[in-house]
Amino acid sequence: MDVVKEIIKNSAIGPFSRGFKGMVLSLFASIVCTLFIMLIVLLRYGTEMNIQFGY
């Protein structure tokens, strides 16, 4: 846990308040979870999907 605290302290969000740090980290975690869920759905149902590229 000390390593994570040190990384956050030396990052761009280091000087901000704890509330703002929490909001930024929760936003990052939600984006990562959404991308992971999208990857799982694509791997599971990708062969059945009709994906078309273009206008």
C-alpha atoms as a PDB file:
ATOM      1  CA  MET A   1       0.000   0.000   0.000  1.00  0.00           C
ATOM      2  CA  ASP A   2       2.939   2.314   0.646  1.00  0.00           C
ATOM      3  CA  VAL A   3       4.011   1.972  -2.971  1.00  0.00           C
ATOM      4  CA  VAL A   4       0.574   3.072  -4.211  1.00  0.00           C
ATOM      5  CA  LYS A   5       0.594   6.065  -1.852  1.00  0.00           C
ATOM      6  CA  GLU A   6       4.076   7.036  -3.049  1.00  0.00           C
ATOM      7  CA  ILE A   7       3.031   6.792  -6.710  1.00  0.00           C
ATOM      8  CA  ILE A   8      -0.057   8.944  -6.087  1.00  0.00           C
ATOM      9  CA  LYS A   9       1.990  11.470  -4.092  1.00  0.00           C
ATOM     10  CA  ASN A  10       4.503  11.870  -6.922  1.00  0.00           C
ATOM     11  CA  SER A  11       1.889  11.932  -9.718  1.00  0.00           C
ATOM     12  CA  ALA A  12       0.050  14.893 -11.197  1.00  0.00           C
ATOM     13  CA  ILE A  13      -2.829  14.560  -8.710  1.00  0.00           C
ATOM     14  CA  GLY A  14      -0.469  14.544  -5.702  1.00  0.00           C
ATOM     15  CA  PRO A  15      -1.039  18.112  -4.494  1.00  0.00           C
ATOM     16  CA  PHE A  16      -4.847  17.944  -4.700  1.00  0.00           C
ATOM     17  CA  SER A  17      -7.210  17.155  -1.831  1.00  0.00           C
ATOM     18  CA  ARG A  18      -8.153  13.638  -0.794  1.00  0.00           C
ATOM     19  CA  GLY A  19     -11.687  14.043  -2.133  1.00  0.00           C
ATOM     20  CA  PHE A  20     -10.495  15.059  -5.568  1.00  0.00           C
ATOM     21  CA  LYS A  21      -7.940  12.211  -5.609  1.00  0.00           C
ATOM     22  CA  GLY A  22     -10.701   9.764  -4.729  1.00  0.00           C
ATOM     23  CA  MET A  23     -12.949  11.119  -7.463  1.00  0.00           C
ATOM     24  CA  VAL A  24     -10.188  10.864 -10.081  1.00  0.00           C
ATOM     25  CA  LEU A  25      -9.231   7.335  -9.023  1.00  0.00           C
ATOM     26  CA  SER A  26     -12.859   6.177  -8.988  1.00  0.00           C
ATOM     27  CA  LEU A  27     -13.395   7.648 -12.464  1.00  0.00           C
ATOM     28  CA  PHE A  28     -10.282   5.825 -13.702  1.00  0.00           C
ATOM     29  CA  ALA A  29     -11.432   2.573 -12.086  1.00  0.00           C
ATOM     30  CA  SER A  30     -14.911   2.863 -13.634  1.00  0.00           C
ATOM     31  CA  ILE A  31     -13.399   3.429 -17.100  1.00  0.00           C
ATOM     32  CA  VAL A  32     -11.109   0.408 -16.690  1.00  0.00           C
ATOM     33  CA  CYS A  33     -14.006  -1.779 -15.481  1.00  0.00           C
ATOM     34  CA  THR A  34     -16.188  -0.660 -18.396  1.00  0.00           C
ATOM     35  CA  LEU A  35     -13.442  -1.488 -20.899  1.00  0.00           C
ATOM     36  CA  PHE A  36     -12.875  -4.878 -19.262  1.00  0.00           C
ATOM     37  CA  ILE A  37     -16.599  -5.704 -19.424  1.00  0.00           C
ATOM     38  CA  MET A  38     -16.692  -4.619 -23.074  1.00  0.00           C
ATOM     39  CA  LEU A  39     -13.728  -6.912 -23.798  1.00  0.00           C
ATOM     40  CA  ILE A  40     -15.477  -9.859 -22.135  1.00  0.00           C
ATOM     41  CA  VAL A  41     -18.695  -9.214 -24.086  1.00  0.00           C
ATOM     42  CA  LEU A  42     -16.745  -8.908 -27.335  1.00  0.00           C
ATOM     43  CA  LEU A  43     -14.826 -12.131 -26.716  1.00  0.00           C
ATOM     44  CA  ARG A  44     -17.976 -14.005 -25.741  1.00  0.00           C
ATOM     45  CA  TYR A  45     -20.430 -12.747 -28.362  1.00  0.00           C
ATOM     46  CA  GLY A  46     -18.070 -11.437 -31.043  1.00  0.00           C
ATOM     47  CA  THR A  47     -18.537 -14.386 -33.384  1.00  0.00           C
ATOM     48  CA  GLU A  48     -22.319 -13.900 -33.355  1.00  0.00           C
ATOM     49  CA  MET A  49     -22.239 -10.136 -33.885  1.00  0.00           C
ATOM     50  CA  ASN A  50     -22.627  -8.482 -37.261  1.00  0.00           C
ATOM     51  CA  ILE A  51     -20.086  -5.682 -37.156  1.00  0.00           C
ATOM     52  CA  GLN A  52     -19.971  -3.314 -40.130  1.00  0.00           C
ATOM     53  CA  PHE A  53     -17.508  -0.507 -40.634  1.00  0.00           C
ATOM     54  CA  GLY A  54     -18.302   2.532 -42.685  1.00  0.00           C
ATOM     55  CA  TYR A  55     -20.840   5.319 -42.853  1.00  0.00           C
END
